[in-house]
């Protein structure tokens, strides 16, 4: 398993963070850190750090991108 850092820009709406965390849980990410900060009045900046198999990292990135409240998602391998 490798360590990955996901960076997300998420619309500040009810349920948006729960959808992100639900996806983390369903994909089985071994979560090490979940940080949320306010980017602007309508956007949260979310950082997710955790471990998962390399093959699952691209899938999780695509699934983050497909969430309705996620404006931008990018991935960094540590």
PDB file of N, CA and C in Angstrom:
ATOM      1  N   UNK A   1       0.850  -1.181   0.000  1.00  0.00           N
ATOM      2  CA  UNK A   1       0.000   0.000   0.000  1.00  0.00           C
ATOM      3  C   UNK A   1       0.890   1.236   0.000  1.00  0.00           C
ATOM      4  N   UNK A   2       0.435   2.239  -0.725  1.00  0.00           N
ATOM      5  CA  UNK A   2       1.174   3.495  -0.821  1.00  0.00           C
ATOM      6  C   UNK A   2       0.401   4.610  -0.136  1.00  0.00           C
ATOM      7  N   UNK A   3       1.118   5.665   0.154  1.00  0.00           N
ATOM      8  CA  UNK A   3       0.513   6.816   0.837  1.00  0.00           C
ATOM      9  C   UNK A   3       0.164   7.878  -0.207  1.00  0.00           C
ATOM     10  N   UNK A   4      -1.069   8.380  -0.143  1.00  0.00           N
ATOM     11  CA  UNK A   4      -1.559   9.361  -1.107  1.00  0.00           C
ATOM     12  C   UNK A   4      -2.151  10.565  -0.391  1.00  0.00           C
ATOM     13  N   UNK A   5      -2.027  11.710  -1.045  1.00  0.00           N
ATOM     14  CA  UNK A   5      -2.580  12.961  -0.535  1.00  0.00           C
ATOM     15  C   UNK A   5      -3.532  13.499  -1.611  1.00  0.00           C
ATOM     16  N   UNK A   6      -4.805  13.557  -1.271  1.00  0.00           N
ATOM     17  CA  UNK A   6      -5.820  14.094  -2.179  1.00  0.00           C
ATOM     18  C   UNK A   6      -6.139  15.528  -1.768  1.00  0.00           C
ATOM     19  N   UNK A   7      -6.237  16.411  -2.744  1.00  0.00           N
ATOM     20  CA  UNK A   7      -6.607  17.805  -2.506  1.00  0.00           C
ATOM     21  C   UNK A   7      -7.916  18.064  -3.244  1.00  0.00           C
ATOM     22  N   UNK A   8      -8.921  18.553  -2.525  1.00  0.00           N
ATOM     23  CA  UNK A   8     -10.244  18.769  -3.104  1.00  0.00           C
ATOM     24  C   UNK A   8     -10.721  20.184  -2.827  1.00  0.00           C
ATOM     25  N   UNK A   9     -11.405  20.775  -3.787  1.00  0.00           N
ATOM     26  CA  UNK A   9     -12.175  21.998  -3.576  1.00  0.00           C
ATOM     27  C   UNK A   9     -13.634  21.580  -3.587  1.00  0.00           C
ATOM     28  N   UNK A  10     -14.307  21.774  -2.468  1.00  0.00           N
ATOM     29  CA  UNK A  10     -15.667  21.267  -2.278  1.00  0.00           C
ATOM     30  C   UNK A  10     -16.611  22.433  -1.988  1.00  0.00           C
ATOM     31  N   UNK A  11     -17.749  22.455  -2.682  1.00  0.00           N
ATOM     32  CA  UNK A  11     -18.761  23.487  -2.431  1.00  0.00           C
ATOM     33  C   UNK A  11     -19.261  23.373  -1.000  1.00  0.00           C
ATOM     34  N   UNK A  12     -19.421  24.519  -0.351  1.00  0.00           N
ATOM     35  CA  UNK A  12     -19.885  24.543   1.041  1.00  0.00           C
ATOM     36  C   UNK A  12     -21.405  24.395   1.064  1.00  0.00           C
ATOM     37  N   UNK A  13     -21.850  23.150   1.035  1.00  0.00           N
ATOM     38  CA  UNK A  13     -23.275  22.826   1.081  1.00  0.00           C
ATOM     39  C   UNK A  13     -23.486  21.692   2.070  1.00  0.00           C
ATOM     40  N   UNK A  14     -24.672  21.645   2.611  1.00  0.00           N
ATOM     41  CA  UNK A  14     -25.014  20.583   3.560  1.00  0.00           C
ATOM     42  C   UNK A  14     -24.814  19.218   2.912  1.00  0.00           C
ATOM     43  N   UNK A  15     -24.132  18.321   3.611  1.00  0.00           N
ATOM     44  CA  UNK A  15     -23.934  16.957   3.143  1.00  0.00           C
ATOM     45  C   UNK A  15     -22.714  16.755   2.265  1.00  0.00           C
ATOM     46  N   UNK A  16     -22.066  17.829   1.825  1.00  0.00           N
ATOM     47  CA  UNK A  16     -20.931  17.691   0.903  1.00  0.00           C
ATOM     48  C   UNK A  16     -19.758  16.954   1.553  1.00  0.00           C
ATOM     49  N   UNK A  17     -19.406  17.323   2.763  1.00  0.00           N
ATOM     50  CA  UNK A  17     -18.283  16.656   3.437  1.00  0.00           C
ATOM     51  C   UNK A  17     -18.627  15.212   3.791  1.00  0.00           C
ATOM     52  N   UNK A  18     -19.878  14.953   4.117  1.00  0.00           N
ATOM     53  CA  UNK A  18     -20.304  13.586   4.407  1.00  0.00           C
ATOM     54  C   UNK A  18     -20.166  12.701   3.172  1.00  0.00           C
ATOM     55  N   UNK A  19     -20.440  13.245   1.982  1.00  0.00           N
ATOM     56  CA  UNK A  19     -20.284  12.468   0.753  1.00  0.00           C
ATOM     57  C   UNK A  19     -18.807  12.144   0.506  1.00  0.00           C
ATOM     58  N   UNK A  20     -17.931  13.099   0.761  1.00  0.00           N
ATOM     59  CA  UNK A  20     -16.492  12.858   0.610  1.00  0.00           C
ATOM     60  C   UNK A  20     -16.042  11.768   1.583  1.00  0.00           C
ATOM     61  N   UNK A  21     -16.421  11.885   2.852  1.00  0.00           N
ATOM     62  CA  UNK A  21     -16.038  10.878   3.850  1.00  0.00           C
ATOM     63  C   UNK A  21     -16.652   9.511   3.557  1.00  0.00           C
ATOM     64  N   UNK A  22     -17.866   9.495   3.043  1.00  0.00           N
ATOM     65  CA  UNK A  22     -18.505   8.234   2.678  1.00  0.00           C
ATOM     66  C   UNK A  22     -17.730   7.508   1.593  1.00  0.00           C
ATOM     67  N   UNK A  23     -17.227   8.260   0.639  1.00  0.00           N
ATOM     68  CA  UNK A  23     -16.434   7.676  -0.432  1.00  0.00           C
ATOM     69  C   UNK A  23     -15.098   7.143   0.114  1.00  0.00           C
ATOM     70  N   UNK A  24     -14.491   7.891   1.013  1.00  0.00           N
ATOM     71  CA  UNK A  24     -13.255   7.433   1.662  1.00  0.00           C
ATOM     72  C   UNK A  24     -13.505   6.096   2.360  1.00  0.00           C
ATOM     73  N   UNK A  25     -14.600   6.000   3.055  1.00  0.00           N
ATOM     74  CA  UNK A  25     -14.950   4.783   3.788  1.00  0.00           C
ATOM     75  C   UNK A  25     -15.213   3.611   2.830  1.00  0.00           C
ATOM     76  N   UNK A  26     -15.998   3.870   1.772  1.00  0.00           N
ATOM     77  CA  UNK A  26     -16.335   2.799   0.826  1.00  0.00           C
ATOM     78  C   UNK A  26     -15.114   2.273   0.079  1.00  0.00           C
ATOM     79  N   UNK A  27     -14.157   3.120  -0.228  1.00  0.00           N
ATOM     80  CA  UNK A  27     -12.951   2.717  -0.969  1.00  0.00           C
ATOM     81  C   UNK A  27     -11.922   2.074  -0.050  1.00  0.00           C
ATOM     82  N   UNK A  28     -12.134   2.119   1.262  1.00  0.00           N
ATOM     83  CA  UNK A  28     -11.235   1.469   2.205  1.00  0.00           C
ATOM     84  C   UNK A  28      -9.919   2.198   2.416  1.00  0.00           C
ATOM     85  N   UNK A  29      -9.921   3.513   2.228  1.00  0.00           N
ATOM     86  CA  UNK A  29      -8.715   4.298   2.457  1.00  0.00           C
ATOM     87  C   UNK A  29      -8.343   4.240   3.933  1.00  0.00           C
ATOM     88  N   UNK A  30      -7.097   3.898   4.211  1.00  0.00           N
ATOM     89  CA  UNK A  30      -6.588   3.902   5.579  1.00  0.00           C
ATOM     90  C   UNK A  30      -6.284   5.364   5.918  1.00  0.00           C
ATOM     91  N   UNK A  31      -7.268   6.057   6.440  1.00  0.00           N
ATOM     92  CA  UNK A  31      -7.223   7.498   6.654  1.00  0.00           C
ATOM     93  C   UNK A  31      -6.242   7.875   7.762  1.00  0.00           C
ATOM     94  N   UNK A  32      -5.324   8.782   7.432  1.00  0.00           N
ATOM     95  CA  UNK A  32      -4.365   9.297   8.404  1.00  0.00           C
ATOM     96  C   UNK A  32      -4.675  10.734   8.791  1.00  0.00           C
ATOM     97  N   UNK A  33      -5.197  11.492   7.842  1.00  0.00           N
ATOM     98  CA  UNK A  33      -5.525  12.895   8.136  1.00  0.00           C
ATOM     99  C   UNK A  33      -6.621  13.380   7.204  1.00  0.00           C
ATOM    100  N   UNK A  34      -7.521  14.203   7.763  1.00  0.00           N
ATOM    101  CA  UNK A  34      -8.606  14.826   7.006  1.00  0.00           C
ATOM    102  C   UNK A  34      -8.695  16.266   7.489  1.00  0.00           C
ATOM    103  N   UNK A  35      -8.248  17.210   6.659  1.00  0.00           N
ATOM    104  CA  UNK A  35      -8.237  18.627   7.029  1.00  0.00           C
ATOM    105  C   UNK A  35      -9.215  19.397   6.156  1.00  0.00           C
ATOM    106  N   UNK A  36      -9.935  20.310   6.782  1.00  0.00           N
ATOM    107  CA  UNK A  36     -10.875  21.169   6.063  1.00  0.00           C
ATOM    108  C   UNK A  36     -10.600  22.614   6.450  1.00  0.00           C
ATOM    109  N   UNK A  37     -10.486  23.470   5.440  1.00  0.00           N
ATOM    110  CA  UNK A  37     -10.340  24.905   5.690  1.00  0.00           C
ATOM    111  C   UNK A  37     -11.240  25.653   4.708  1.00  0.00           C
ATOM    112  N   UNK A  38     -11.525  26.889   5.035  1.00  0.00           N
ATOM    113  CA  UNK A  38     -12.377  27.706   4.179  1.00  0.00           C
ATOM    114  C   UNK A  38     -11.502  28.389   3.134  1.00  0.00           C
ATOM    115  N   UNK A  39     -11.802  28.137   1.861  1.00  0.00           N
ATOM    116  CA  UNK A  39     -11.070  28.761   0.760  1.00  0.00           C
ATOM    117  C   UNK A  39     -11.685  30.113   0.414  1.00  0.00           C
ATOM    118  N   UNK A  40     -13.008  30.150   0.375  1.00  0.00           N
ATOM    119  CA  UNK A  40     -13.770  31.373   0.121  1.00  0.00           C
ATOM    120  C   UNK A  40     -15.181  31.142   0.652  1.00  0.00           C
ATOM    121  N   UNK A  41     -16.066  32.125   0.599  1.00  0.00           N
ATOM    122  CA  UNK A  41     -17.394  31.947   1.199  1.00  0.00           C
ATOM    123  C   UNK A  41     -18.201  30.757   0.665  1.00  0.00           C
ATOM    124  N   UNK A  42     -17.841  30.251  -0.522  1.00  0.00           N
ATOM    125  CA  UNK A  42     -18.619  29.149  -1.101  1.00  0.00           C
ATOM    126  C   UNK A  42     -17.841  27.849  -1.242  1.00  0.00           C
ATOM    127  N   UNK A  43     -16.583  27.814  -0.786  1.00  0.00           N
ATOM    128  CA  UNK A  43     -15.746  26.645  -1.033  1.00  0.00           C
ATOM    129  C   UNK A  43     -14.931  26.251   0.190  1.00  0.00           C
ATOM    130  N   UNK A  44     -14.889  24.925   0.450  1.00  0.00           N
ATOM    131  CA  UNK A  44     -13.967  24.364   1.426  1.00  0.00           C
ATOM    132  C   UNK A  44     -12.761  23.817   0.675  1.00  0.00           C
ATOM    133  N   UNK A  45     -11.606  23.898   1.267  1.00  0.00           N
ATOM    134  CA  UNK A  45     -10.417  23.227   0.758  1.00  0.00           C
ATOM    135  C   UNK A  45     -10.205  22.022   1.660  1.00  0.00           C
ATOM    136  N   UNK A  46     -10.238  20.835   1.072  1.00  0.00           N
ATOM    137  CA  UNK A  46     -10.158  19.582   1.824  1.00  0.00           C
ATOM    138  C   UNK A  46      -8.873  18.851   1.448  1.00  0.00           C
ATOM    139  N   UNK A  47      -8.145  18.397   2.447  1.00  0.00           N
ATOM    140  CA  UNK A  47      -6.952  17.584   2.239  1.00  0.00           C
ATOM    141  C   UNK A  47      -7.174  16.235   2.915  1.00  0.00           C
ATOM    142  N   UNK A  48      -6.982  15.173   2.160  1.00  0.00           N
ATOM    143  CA  UNK A  48      -7.178  13.810   2.661  1.00  0.00           C
ATOM    144  C   UNK A  48      -5.860  13.063   2.479  1.00  0.00           C
ATOM    145  N   UNK A  49      -5.341  12.522   3.554  1.00  0.00           N
ATOM    146  CA  UNK A  49      -4.092  11.772   3.508  1.00  0.00           C
ATOM    147  C   UNK A  49      -4.363  10.369   4.005  1.00  0.00           C
ATOM    148  N   UNK A  50      -3.914   9.384   3.237  1.00  0.00           N
ATOM    149  CA  UNK A  50      -4.127   8.010   3.657  1.00  0.00           C
ATOM    150  C   UNK A  50      -3.407   7.017   2.778  1.00  0.00           C
ATOM    151  N   UNK A  51      -3.551   5.757   3.116  1.00  0.00           N
ATOM    152  CA  UNK A  51      -2.891   4.661   2.388  1.00  0.00           C
ATOM    153  C   UNK A  51      -3.932   3.781   1.712  1.00  0.00           C
ATOM    154  N   UNK A  52      -3.584   3.364   0.499  1.00  0.00           N
ATOM    155  CA  UNK A  52      -4.392   2.408  -0.228  1.00  0.00           C
ATOM    156  C   UNK A  52      -3.555   1.852  -1.367  1.00  0.00           C
ATOM    157  N   UNK A  53      -3.995   0.737  -1.974  1.00  0.00           N
ATOM    158  CA  UNK A  53      -3.246   0.182  -3.106  1.00  0.00           C
ATOM    159  C   UNK A  53      -3.167   1.194  -4.259  1.00  0.00           C
ATOM    160  N   UNK A  54      -2.051   1.188  -4.962  1.00  0.00           N
ATOM    161  CA  UNK A  54      -1.829   2.135  -6.051  1.00  0.00           C
ATOM    162  C   UNK A  54      -2.954   2.076  -7.074  1.00  0.00           C
ATOM    163  N   UNK A  55      -3.409   0.886  -7.414  1.00  0.00           N
ATOM    164  CA  UNK A  55      -4.468   0.736  -8.413  1.00  0.00           C
ATOM    165  C   UNK A  55      -5.765   1.421  -7.985  1.00  0.00           C
ATOM    166  N   UNK A  56      -6.008   1.535  -6.685  1.00  0.00           N
ATOM    167  CA  UNK A  56      -7.242   2.149  -6.192  1.00  0.00           C
ATOM    168  C   UNK A  56      -7.167   3.669  -6.117  1.00  0.00           C
ATOM    169  N   UNK A  57      -5.967   4.234  -6.156  1.00  0.00           N
ATOM    170  CA  UNK A  57      -5.815   5.683  -6.011  1.00  0.00           C
ATOM    171  C   UNK A  57      -6.448   6.435  -7.185  1.00  0.00           C
ATOM    172  N   UNK A  58      -6.196   5.974  -8.412  1.00  0.00           N
ATOM    173  CA  UNK A  58      -6.792   6.642  -9.575  1.00  0.00           C
ATOM    174  C   UNK A  58      -8.307   6.507  -9.577  1.00  0.00           C
ATOM    175  N   UNK A  59      -8.799   5.352  -9.157  1.00  0.00           N
ATOM    176  CA  UNK A  59     -10.244   5.152  -9.068  1.00  0.00           C
ATOM    177  C   UNK A  59     -10.856   6.103  -8.049  1.00  0.00           C
ATOM    178  N   UNK A  60     -10.231   6.232  -6.889  1.00  0.00           N
ATOM    179  CA  UNK A  60     -10.746   7.144  -5.863  1.00  0.00           C
ATOM    180  C   UNK A  60     -10.720   8.582  -6.361  1.00  0.00           C
ATOM    181  N   UNK A  61      -9.672   8.978  -7.072  1.00  0.00           N
ATOM    182  CA  UNK A  61      -9.609  10.326  -7.635  1.00  0.00           C
ATOM    183  C   UNK A  61     -10.760  10.557  -8.607  1.00  0.00           C
ATOM    184  N   UNK A  62     -11.017   9.601  -9.493  1.00  0.00           N
ATOM    185  CA  UNK A  62     -12.145   9.736 -10.443  1.00  0.00           C
ATOM    186  C   UNK A  62     -13.481   9.822  -9.703  1.00  0.00           C
ATOM    187  N   UNK A  63     -13.614   9.044  -8.631  1.00  0.00           N
ATOM    188  CA  UNK A  63     -14.866   9.069  -7.878  1.00  0.00           C
ATOM    189  C   UNK A  63     -15.024  10.382  -7.108  1.00  0.00           C
ATOM    190  N   UNK A  64     -13.936  10.935  -6.560  1.00  0.00           N
ATOM    191  CA  UNK A  64     -14.017  12.260  -5.946  1.00  0.00           C
ATOM    192  C   UNK A  64     -14.488  13.281  -6.982  1.00  0.00           C
ATOM    193  N   UNK A  65     -13.893  13.234  -8.165  1.00  0.00           N
ATOM    194  CA  UNK A  65     -14.228  14.181  -9.227  1.00  0.00           C
ATOM    195  C   UNK A  65     -15.691  14.081  -9.627  1.00  0.00           C
ATOM    196  N   UNK A  66     -16.257  12.892  -9.547  1.00  0.00           N
ATOM    197  CA  UNK A  66     -17.649  12.706  -9.969  1.00  0.00           C
ATOM    198  C   UNK A  66     -18.671  13.152  -8.917  1.00  0.00           C
ATOM    199  N   UNK A  67     -18.228  13.399  -7.685  1.00  0.00           N
ATOM    200  CA  UNK A  67     -19.168  13.879  -6.662  1.00  0.00           C
ATOM    201  C   UNK A  67     -19.705  15.255  -7.051  1.00  0.00           C
ATOM    202  N   UNK A  68     -20.972  15.462  -6.848  1.00  0.00           N
ATOM    203  CA  UNK A  68     -21.638  16.673  -7.296  1.00  0.00           C
ATOM    204  C   UNK A  68     -21.058  17.953  -6.694  1.00  0.00           C
ATOM    205  N   UNK A  69     -20.584  17.914  -5.472  1.00  0.00           N
ATOM    206  CA  UNK A  69     -20.095  19.126  -4.810  1.00  0.00           C
ATOM    207  C   UNK A  69     -18.587  19.341  -4.941  1.00  0.00           C
ATOM    208  N   UNK A  70     -17.889  18.437  -5.599  1.00  0.00           N
ATOM    209  CA  UNK A  70     -16.438  18.585  -5.754  1.00  0.00           C
ATOM    210  C   UNK A  70     -16.149  19.339  -7.048  1.00  0.00           C
ATOM    211  N   UNK A  71     -15.532  20.492  -6.910  1.00  0.00           N
ATOM    212  CA  UNK A  71     -15.186  21.326  -8.072  1.00  0.00           C
ATOM    213  C   UNK A  71     -13.868  20.912  -8.689  1.00  0.00           C
ATOM    214  N   UNK A  72     -12.914  20.495  -7.847  1.00  0.00           N
ATOM    215  CA  UNK A  72     -11.572  20.152  -8.311  1.00  0.00           C
ATOM    216  C   UNK A  72     -11.020  19.079  -7.402  1.00  0.00           C
ATOM    217  N   UNK A  73     -10.352  18.088  -7.980  1.00  0.00           N
ATOM    218  CA  UNK A  73      -9.700  17.039  -7.201  1.00  0.00           C
ATOM    219  C   UNK A  73      -8.366  16.718  -7.860  1.00  0.00           C
ATOM    220  N   UNK A  74      -7.324  16.639  -7.030  1.00  0.00           N
ATOM    221  CA  UNK A  74      -6.025  16.243  -7.549  1.00  0.00           C
ATOM    222  C   UNK A  74      -5.344  15.322  -6.543  1.00  0.00           C
ATOM    223  N   UNK A  75      -4.346  14.626  -7.027  1.00  0.00           N
ATOM    224  CA  UNK A  75      -3.722  13.562  -6.262  1.00  0.00           C
ATOM    225  C   UNK A  75      -2.215  13.745  -6.251  1.00  0.00           C
ATOM    226  N   UNK A  76      -1.593  13.487  -5.098  1.00  0.00           N
ATOM    227  CA  UNK A  76      -0.141  13.454  -4.967  1.00  0.00           C
ATOM    228  C   UNK A  76       0.231  12.172  -4.232  1.00  0.00           C
ATOM    229  N   UNK A  77       1.204  11.459  -4.777  1.00  0.00           N
ATOM    230  CA  UNK A  77       1.715  10.280  -4.072  1.00  0.00           C
ATOM    231  C   UNK A  77       2.883  10.722  -3.210  1.00  0.00           C
ATOM    232  N   UNK A  78       2.926  10.245  -1.979  1.00  0.00           N
ATOM    233  CA  UNK A  78       4.024  10.626  -1.080  1.00  0.00           C
ATOM    234  C   UNK A  78       5.101   9.579  -1.082  1.00  0.00           C
TER     235      UNK A  78
END
